Structures are given as structure tokens and as C-alpha cells.
């Protein structure tokens, strides 16, 4: 089963232009289909929220700027202090890495985070 962190990392990859929206959708589809009643409620909510935002954007009901802001919220949550346009690049070898940035603890299995102010 996919984890919340993995989903957030995939969204972060899209926000950092490391993957396309089509690639994100292709990755998301089988995970959305495999959600069961026993799934972690946070994972289910995140997957369904991501699917909804993509559908709203694809149909033209959600402008790009709002779409990206919504994805940032899904990927990073409500950080208390969001710095202006900073990009952090991490190299992670074989394990999860946690680090503190702008007073928030972040955890990743991916190679990058994009942090933007609102």
C-alpha cells in the first residue's frame, strides 16, 4: 500500500518540474483504484483530493495558479513559515531522511522538495 509520504513526494516532483502531469496521473491511477476500506484514512483522503484537483484542472474548472497552490497544500501541508521560492535538493541513499527547514520538520524518500510562499 502506498504511503502518505510517497504521495506527497510524487506531488512535490510534479511541482518541481521533475515529472509531467500525465506521469503523475499514470502513477496515481492504480493507487486510487486499490484503495480499500482498510486503507489509512489520511492516505485515502490525500489520493482522492489529488484526483479531484487534477479532474477540476483538466476540465477547466480550476485555474492553473489555484491548481498549483492546492497541490502545494497537499504536498507540504500548512507550514507555519513558508519562505519565498527556495529549492532544496537532497540526495537520499537507501533510507528516509528528515530535516528541518523554516521551522518545520520534513521527511522524504525523494530527491527534492520545492517550498514556495503563498
N, C-alpha and C. Protein backbone atom coordinates (compact mmCIF):
# COMPACT_ATOMS: atom_id res chain seq x y z
N UNK A 1 0.84 -1.18 0.00
CA UNK A 1 0.00 0.00 0.00
C UNK A 1 0.89 1.25 0.00
N UNK A 2 0.49 2.23 -0.76
CA UNK A 2 1.22 3.49 -0.87
C UNK A 2 1.09 4.29 0.44
N UNK A 3 2.13 5.06 0.75
CA UNK A 3 2.11 5.86 1.98
C UNK A 3 1.83 7.32 1.67
N UNK A 4 1.44 8.05 2.69
CA UNK A 4 1.19 9.49 2.56
C UNK A 4 2.45 10.21 2.08
N UNK A 5 3.60 9.84 2.65
CA UNK A 5 4.86 10.46 2.27
C UNK A 5 5.18 10.23 0.80
N UNK A 6 4.94 9.02 0.32
CA UNK A 6 5.20 8.71 -1.09
C UNK A 6 4.32 9.57 -2.01
N UNK A 7 3.06 9.71 -1.65
CA UNK A 7 2.14 10.52 -2.45
C UNK A 7 2.60 11.98 -2.45
N UNK A 8 2.94 12.49 -1.28
CA UNK A 8 3.40 13.87 -1.18
C UNK A 8 4.69 14.08 -1.98
N UNK A 9 5.57 13.09 -1.97
CA UNK A 9 6.80 13.20 -2.75
C UNK A 9 6.52 13.22 -4.25
N UNK A 10 5.55 12.44 -4.70
CA UNK A 10 5.18 12.45 -6.12
C UNK A 10 4.61 13.81 -6.53
N UNK A 11 3.78 14.39 -5.65
CA UNK A 11 3.25 15.72 -5.93
C UNK A 11 4.39 16.74 -5.97
N UNK A 12 5.32 16.63 -5.03
CA UNK A 12 6.47 17.54 -4.98
C UNK A 12 7.32 17.43 -6.25
N UNK A 13 7.48 16.24 -6.77
CA UNK A 13 8.22 16.04 -8.03
C UNK A 13 7.54 16.79 -9.17
N UNK A 14 6.20 16.73 -9.22
CA UNK A 14 5.47 17.46 -10.25
C UNK A 14 5.66 18.97 -10.07
N UNK A 15 5.53 19.45 -8.84
CA UNK A 15 5.67 20.87 -8.57
C UNK A 15 7.08 21.38 -8.89
N UNK A 16 8.07 20.50 -8.77
CA UNK A 16 9.46 20.87 -9.07
C UNK A 16 9.82 20.61 -10.54
N UNK A 17 8.81 20.33 -11.36
CA UNK A 17 9.00 20.06 -12.79
C UNK A 17 9.91 18.86 -13.06
N UNK A 18 9.87 17.89 -12.16
CA UNK A 18 10.67 16.67 -12.35
C UNK A 18 9.86 15.57 -13.04
N UNK A 19 8.56 15.78 -13.15
CA UNK A 19 7.68 14.83 -13.82
C UNK A 19 6.51 15.61 -14.43
N UNK A 20 5.85 15.02 -15.39
CA UNK A 20 4.72 15.68 -16.05
C UNK A 20 3.42 15.35 -15.32
N UNK A 21 2.38 16.11 -15.63
CA UNK A 21 1.07 15.83 -15.05
C UNK A 21 0.58 14.46 -15.52
N UNK A 22 0.83 14.13 -16.77
CA UNK A 22 0.42 12.81 -17.29
C UNK A 22 1.11 11.69 -16.53
N UNK A 23 2.40 11.86 -16.23
CA UNK A 23 3.12 10.84 -15.46
C UNK A 23 2.56 10.72 -14.05
N UNK A 24 2.22 11.87 -13.44
CA UNK A 24 1.62 11.84 -12.10
C UNK A 24 0.28 11.11 -12.14
N UNK A 25 -0.53 11.40 -13.15
CA UNK A 25 -1.83 10.73 -13.29
C UNK A 25 -1.65 9.23 -13.51
N UNK A 26 -0.69 8.85 -14.34
CA UNK A 26 -0.44 7.43 -14.59
C UNK A 26 0.05 6.71 -13.34
N UNK A 27 0.83 7.39 -12.52
CA UNK A 27 1.28 6.80 -11.26
C UNK A 27 0.12 6.69 -10.27
N UNK A 28 -0.74 7.72 -10.25
CA UNK A 28 -1.83 7.80 -9.29
C UNK A 28 -2.94 6.77 -9.54
N UNK A 29 -3.28 6.54 -10.79
CA UNK A 29 -4.45 5.72 -11.13
C UNK A 29 -4.47 4.36 -10.43
N UNK A 30 -3.44 3.53 -10.54
CA UNK A 30 -3.53 2.22 -9.89
C UNK A 30 -3.61 2.31 -8.36
N UNK A 31 -3.02 3.34 -7.78
CA UNK A 31 -3.09 3.51 -6.33
C UNK A 31 -4.50 3.91 -5.90
N UNK A 32 -5.14 4.76 -6.70
CA UNK A 32 -6.51 5.17 -6.39
C UNK A 32 -7.46 3.98 -6.52
N UNK A 33 -7.24 3.16 -7.53
CA UNK A 33 -8.11 2.00 -7.73
C UNK A 33 -7.96 0.97 -6.62
N UNK A 34 -6.79 0.92 -6.00
CA UNK A 34 -6.55 -0.12 -4.99
C UNK A 34 -6.89 0.31 -3.57
N UNK A 35 -7.43 1.50 -3.38
CA UNK A 35 -7.82 1.95 -2.04
C UNK A 35 -8.97 1.07 -1.55
N UNK A 36 -8.83 0.60 -0.33
CA UNK A 36 -9.87 -0.24 0.27
C UNK A 36 -10.38 0.43 1.54
N UNK A 37 -11.42 -0.14 2.12
CA UNK A 37 -11.98 0.38 3.36
C UNK A 37 -10.97 0.30 4.50
N UNK A 38 -9.99 -0.59 4.38
CA UNK A 38 -8.98 -0.76 5.43
C UNK A 38 -7.79 0.18 5.26
N UNK A 39 -7.78 0.96 4.23
CA UNK A 39 -6.65 1.87 3.96
C UNK A 39 -6.58 2.96 5.02
N UNK A 40 -5.38 3.48 5.22
CA UNK A 40 -5.17 4.60 6.14
C UNK A 40 -6.05 5.76 5.67
N UNK A 41 -6.89 6.30 6.55
CA UNK A 41 -7.78 7.40 6.14
C UNK A 41 -7.04 8.61 5.58
N UNK A 42 -5.85 8.92 6.10
CA UNK A 42 -5.08 10.05 5.57
C UNK A 42 -4.63 9.79 4.14
N UNK A 43 -4.25 8.54 3.85
CA UNK A 43 -3.83 8.17 2.50
C UNK A 43 -5.02 8.26 1.55
N UNK A 44 -6.15 7.72 1.96
CA UNK A 44 -7.36 7.77 1.13
C UNK A 44 -7.75 9.21 0.82
N UNK A 45 -7.78 10.05 1.86
CA UNK A 45 -8.16 11.45 1.67
C UNK A 45 -7.19 12.16 0.73
N UNK A 46 -5.89 11.91 0.89
CA UNK A 46 -4.89 12.55 0.04
C UNK A 46 -5.04 12.10 -1.42
N UNK A 47 -5.22 10.82 -1.64
CA UNK A 47 -5.38 10.31 -3.02
C UNK A 47 -6.64 10.88 -3.66
N UNK A 48 -7.75 10.85 -2.93
CA UNK A 48 -9.00 11.36 -3.51
C UNK A 48 -8.94 12.87 -3.72
N UNK A 49 -8.27 13.60 -2.83
CA UNK A 49 -8.12 15.05 -3.00
C UNK A 49 -7.27 15.35 -4.23
N UNK A 50 -6.21 14.59 -4.42
CA UNK A 50 -5.35 14.77 -5.59
C UNK A 50 -6.11 14.46 -6.87
N UNK A 51 -6.85 13.37 -6.88
CA UNK A 51 -7.65 13.02 -8.06
C UNK A 51 -8.65 14.14 -8.39
N UNK A 52 -9.31 14.66 -7.37
CA UNK A 52 -10.30 15.72 -7.57
C UNK A 52 -9.66 16.98 -8.15
N UNK A 53 -8.52 17.39 -7.59
CA UNK A 53 -7.85 18.59 -8.08
C UNK A 53 -7.42 18.43 -9.54
N UNK A 54 -6.91 17.27 -9.87
CA UNK A 54 -6.50 17.02 -11.27
C UNK A 54 -7.71 17.06 -12.19
N UNK A 55 -8.81 16.43 -11.77
CA UNK A 55 -10.03 16.42 -12.59
C UNK A 55 -10.57 17.83 -12.78
N UNK A 56 -10.56 18.63 -11.70
CA UNK A 56 -11.04 20.02 -11.81
C UNK A 56 -10.15 20.83 -12.75
N UNK A 57 -8.85 20.62 -12.67
CA UNK A 57 -7.91 21.34 -13.53
C UNK A 57 -8.08 20.89 -14.99
N UNK A 58 -8.14 19.58 -15.22
CA UNK A 58 -8.30 19.05 -16.58
C UNK A 58 -9.58 19.53 -17.25
N UNK A 59 -10.64 19.70 -16.46
CA UNK A 59 -11.93 20.12 -17.02
C UNK A 59 -12.05 21.64 -17.17
N UNK A 60 -11.04 22.37 -16.70
CA UNK A 60 -11.06 23.82 -16.81
C UNK A 60 -11.77 24.53 -15.66
N UNK A 61 -12.18 23.78 -14.64
CA UNK A 61 -12.87 24.39 -13.50
C UNK A 61 -11.92 24.94 -12.44
N UNK A 62 -10.64 24.62 -12.55
CA UNK A 62 -9.65 25.10 -11.58
C UNK A 62 -8.49 25.72 -12.36
N UNK A 63 -8.31 27.05 -12.25
CA UNK A 63 -7.22 27.72 -12.97
C UNK A 63 -5.86 27.17 -12.51
N UNK A 64 -4.87 27.27 -13.39
CA UNK A 64 -3.54 26.71 -13.11
C UNK A 64 -2.93 27.23 -11.81
N UNK A 65 -3.02 28.53 -11.57
CA UNK A 65 -2.43 29.10 -10.36
C UNK A 65 -3.06 28.48 -9.11
N UNK A 66 -4.38 28.35 -9.09
CA UNK A 66 -5.07 27.74 -7.96
C UNK A 66 -4.75 26.25 -7.86
N UNK A 67 -4.64 25.59 -9.00
CA UNK A 67 -4.30 24.17 -9.05
C UNK A 67 -2.94 23.94 -8.38
N UNK A 68 -1.96 24.74 -8.76
CA UNK A 68 -0.63 24.59 -8.17
C UNK A 68 -0.63 24.89 -6.67
N UNK A 69 -1.39 25.90 -6.27
CA UNK A 69 -1.49 26.23 -4.84
C UNK A 69 -2.14 25.08 -4.06
N UNK A 70 -3.14 24.48 -4.64
CA UNK A 70 -3.82 23.34 -3.99
C UNK A 70 -2.87 22.14 -3.89
N UNK A 71 -2.10 21.90 -4.94
CA UNK A 71 -1.14 20.79 -4.90
C UNK A 71 -0.05 21.05 -3.87
N UNK A 72 0.39 22.30 -3.76
CA UNK A 72 1.38 22.64 -2.73
C UNK A 72 0.84 22.33 -1.34
N UNK A 73 -0.41 22.65 -1.11
CA UNK A 73 -1.03 22.36 0.18
C UNK A 73 -1.09 20.85 0.43
N UNK A 74 -1.43 20.08 -0.60
CA UNK A 74 -1.47 18.62 -0.45
C UNK A 74 -0.07 18.05 -0.20
N UNK A 75 0.92 18.59 -0.88
CA UNK A 75 2.28 18.05 -0.76
C UNK A 75 2.95 18.46 0.55
N UNK A 76 2.78 19.70 0.93
CA UNK A 76 3.55 20.22 2.05
C UNK A 76 2.72 20.51 3.29
N UNK A 77 1.41 20.50 3.17
CA UNK A 77 0.58 20.83 4.31
C UNK A 77 0.67 22.31 4.63
N UNK A 78 0.20 22.65 5.78
CA UNK A 78 0.20 24.05 6.20
C UNK A 78 1.44 24.34 7.01
N UNK A 79 2.52 24.69 6.33
CA UNK A 79 3.74 25.07 7.03
C UNK A 79 3.52 26.43 7.67
N UNK A 80 3.98 26.58 8.88
CA UNK A 80 3.80 27.86 9.58
C UNK A 80 4.54 28.99 8.90
N UNK A 81 5.76 28.73 8.45
CA UNK A 81 6.56 29.76 7.78
C UNK A 81 7.00 29.22 6.44
N UNK A 82 6.44 29.78 5.38
CA UNK A 82 6.82 29.34 4.04
C UNK A 82 7.74 30.39 3.43
N UNK A 83 9.01 30.07 3.22
CA UNK A 83 9.93 31.04 2.64
C UNK A 83 9.62 31.27 1.17
N UNK A 84 10.14 32.35 0.62
CA UNK A 84 9.92 32.63 -0.79
C UNK A 84 10.82 31.76 -1.65
N UNK A 85 10.27 31.24 -2.72
CA UNK A 85 10.93 30.47 -3.77
C UNK A 85 12.32 29.94 -3.41
N UNK A 86 12.34 28.91 -2.64
CA UNK A 86 13.59 28.23 -2.30
C UNK A 86 13.49 26.79 -2.76
N UNK A 87 14.56 26.27 -3.25
CA UNK A 87 14.56 24.89 -3.72
C UNK A 87 15.63 24.15 -2.93
N UNK A 88 15.24 23.03 -2.36
CA UNK A 88 16.17 22.19 -1.61
C UNK A 88 16.40 20.92 -2.41
N UNK A 89 17.62 20.55 -2.60
CA UNK A 89 17.91 19.30 -3.28
C UNK A 89 18.64 18.38 -2.32
N UNK A 90 18.12 17.21 -2.14
CA UNK A 90 18.70 16.23 -1.23
C UNK A 90 19.12 15.01 -2.02
N UNK A 91 20.13 14.36 -1.57
CA UNK A 91 20.48 13.06 -2.11
C UNK A 91 20.22 12.06 -1.00
N UNK A 92 19.31 11.16 -1.23
CA UNK A 92 18.91 10.18 -0.22
C UNK A 92 19.37 8.81 -0.70
N UNK A 93 20.11 8.13 0.13
CA UNK A 93 20.61 6.82 -0.25
C UNK A 93 20.05 5.78 0.72
N UNK A 94 19.09 5.00 0.25
CA UNK A 94 18.62 3.84 0.97
C UNK A 94 17.75 4.02 2.20
N UNK A 95 17.44 5.23 2.59
CA UNK A 95 16.59 5.39 3.76
C UNK A 95 15.89 6.74 3.73
N UNK A 96 14.91 6.87 4.60
CA UNK A 96 14.20 8.12 4.71
C UNK A 96 15.08 9.15 5.41
N UNK A 97 15.03 10.37 4.94
CA UNK A 97 15.79 11.46 5.54
C UNK A 97 14.81 12.47 6.10
N UNK A 98 15.09 12.95 7.29
CA UNK A 98 14.30 14.02 7.88
C UNK A 98 15.20 15.22 8.07
N UNK A 99 14.65 16.41 7.90
CA UNK A 99 15.42 17.62 8.10
C UNK A 99 14.47 18.73 8.49
N UNK A 100 15.00 19.77 9.10
CA UNK A 100 14.20 20.91 9.49
C UNK A 100 14.48 22.06 8.53
N UNK A 101 13.39 22.70 8.08
CA UNK A 101 13.51 23.85 7.19
C UNK A 101 12.41 24.82 7.54
N UNK A 102 12.75 26.06 7.75
CA UNK A 102 11.79 27.11 8.09
C UNK A 102 10.95 26.72 9.30
N UNK A 103 11.57 26.03 10.26
CA UNK A 103 10.89 25.67 11.49
C UNK A 103 9.96 24.48 11.38
N UNK A 104 9.93 23.79 10.23
CA UNK A 104 9.06 22.63 10.06
C UNK A 104 9.91 21.41 9.79
N UNK A 105 9.52 20.29 10.39
CA UNK A 105 10.22 19.03 10.16
C UNK A 105 9.67 18.41 8.89
N UNK A 106 10.54 18.12 7.93
CA UNK A 106 10.14 17.50 6.67
C UNK A 106 10.81 16.13 6.58
N UNK A 107 10.15 15.21 5.92
CA UNK A 107 10.70 13.87 5.75
C UNK A 107 10.55 13.50 4.29
N UNK A 108 11.55 12.80 3.74
CA UNK A 108 11.49 12.49 2.31
C UNK A 108 12.17 11.17 1.98
N UNK A 109 11.66 10.54 0.97
CA UNK A 109 12.31 9.40 0.34
C UNK A 109 12.67 9.79 -1.08
N UNK A 110 12.40 11.03 -1.44
CA UNK A 110 12.63 11.55 -2.78
C UNK A 110 13.86 12.45 -2.77
N UNK A 111 14.20 12.96 -3.94
CA UNK A 111 15.43 13.74 -4.04
C UNK A 111 15.22 15.25 -3.98
N UNK A 112 13.98 15.75 -3.96
CA UNK A 112 13.84 17.19 -3.91
C UNK A 112 12.51 17.62 -3.30
N UNK A 113 12.52 18.82 -2.77
CA UNK A 113 11.34 19.49 -2.27
C UNK A 113 11.33 20.87 -2.89
N UNK A 114 10.16 21.39 -3.16
CA UNK A 114 10.03 22.76 -3.61
C UNK A 114 9.17 23.47 -2.56
N UNK A 115 9.68 24.52 -1.99
CA UNK A 115 8.96 25.25 -0.96
C UNK A 115 8.71 26.65 -1.49
N UNK A 116 7.46 27.06 -1.51
CA UNK A 116 7.11 28.39 -2.01
C UNK A 116 6.26 29.11 -0.97
N UNK A 117 6.30 30.42 -1.01
CA UNK A 117 5.41 31.19 -0.15
C UNK A 117 4.09 31.37 -0.87
N UNK A 118 3.07 31.66 -0.10
CA UNK A 118 1.77 31.91 -0.72
C UNK A 118 1.48 33.37 -0.81
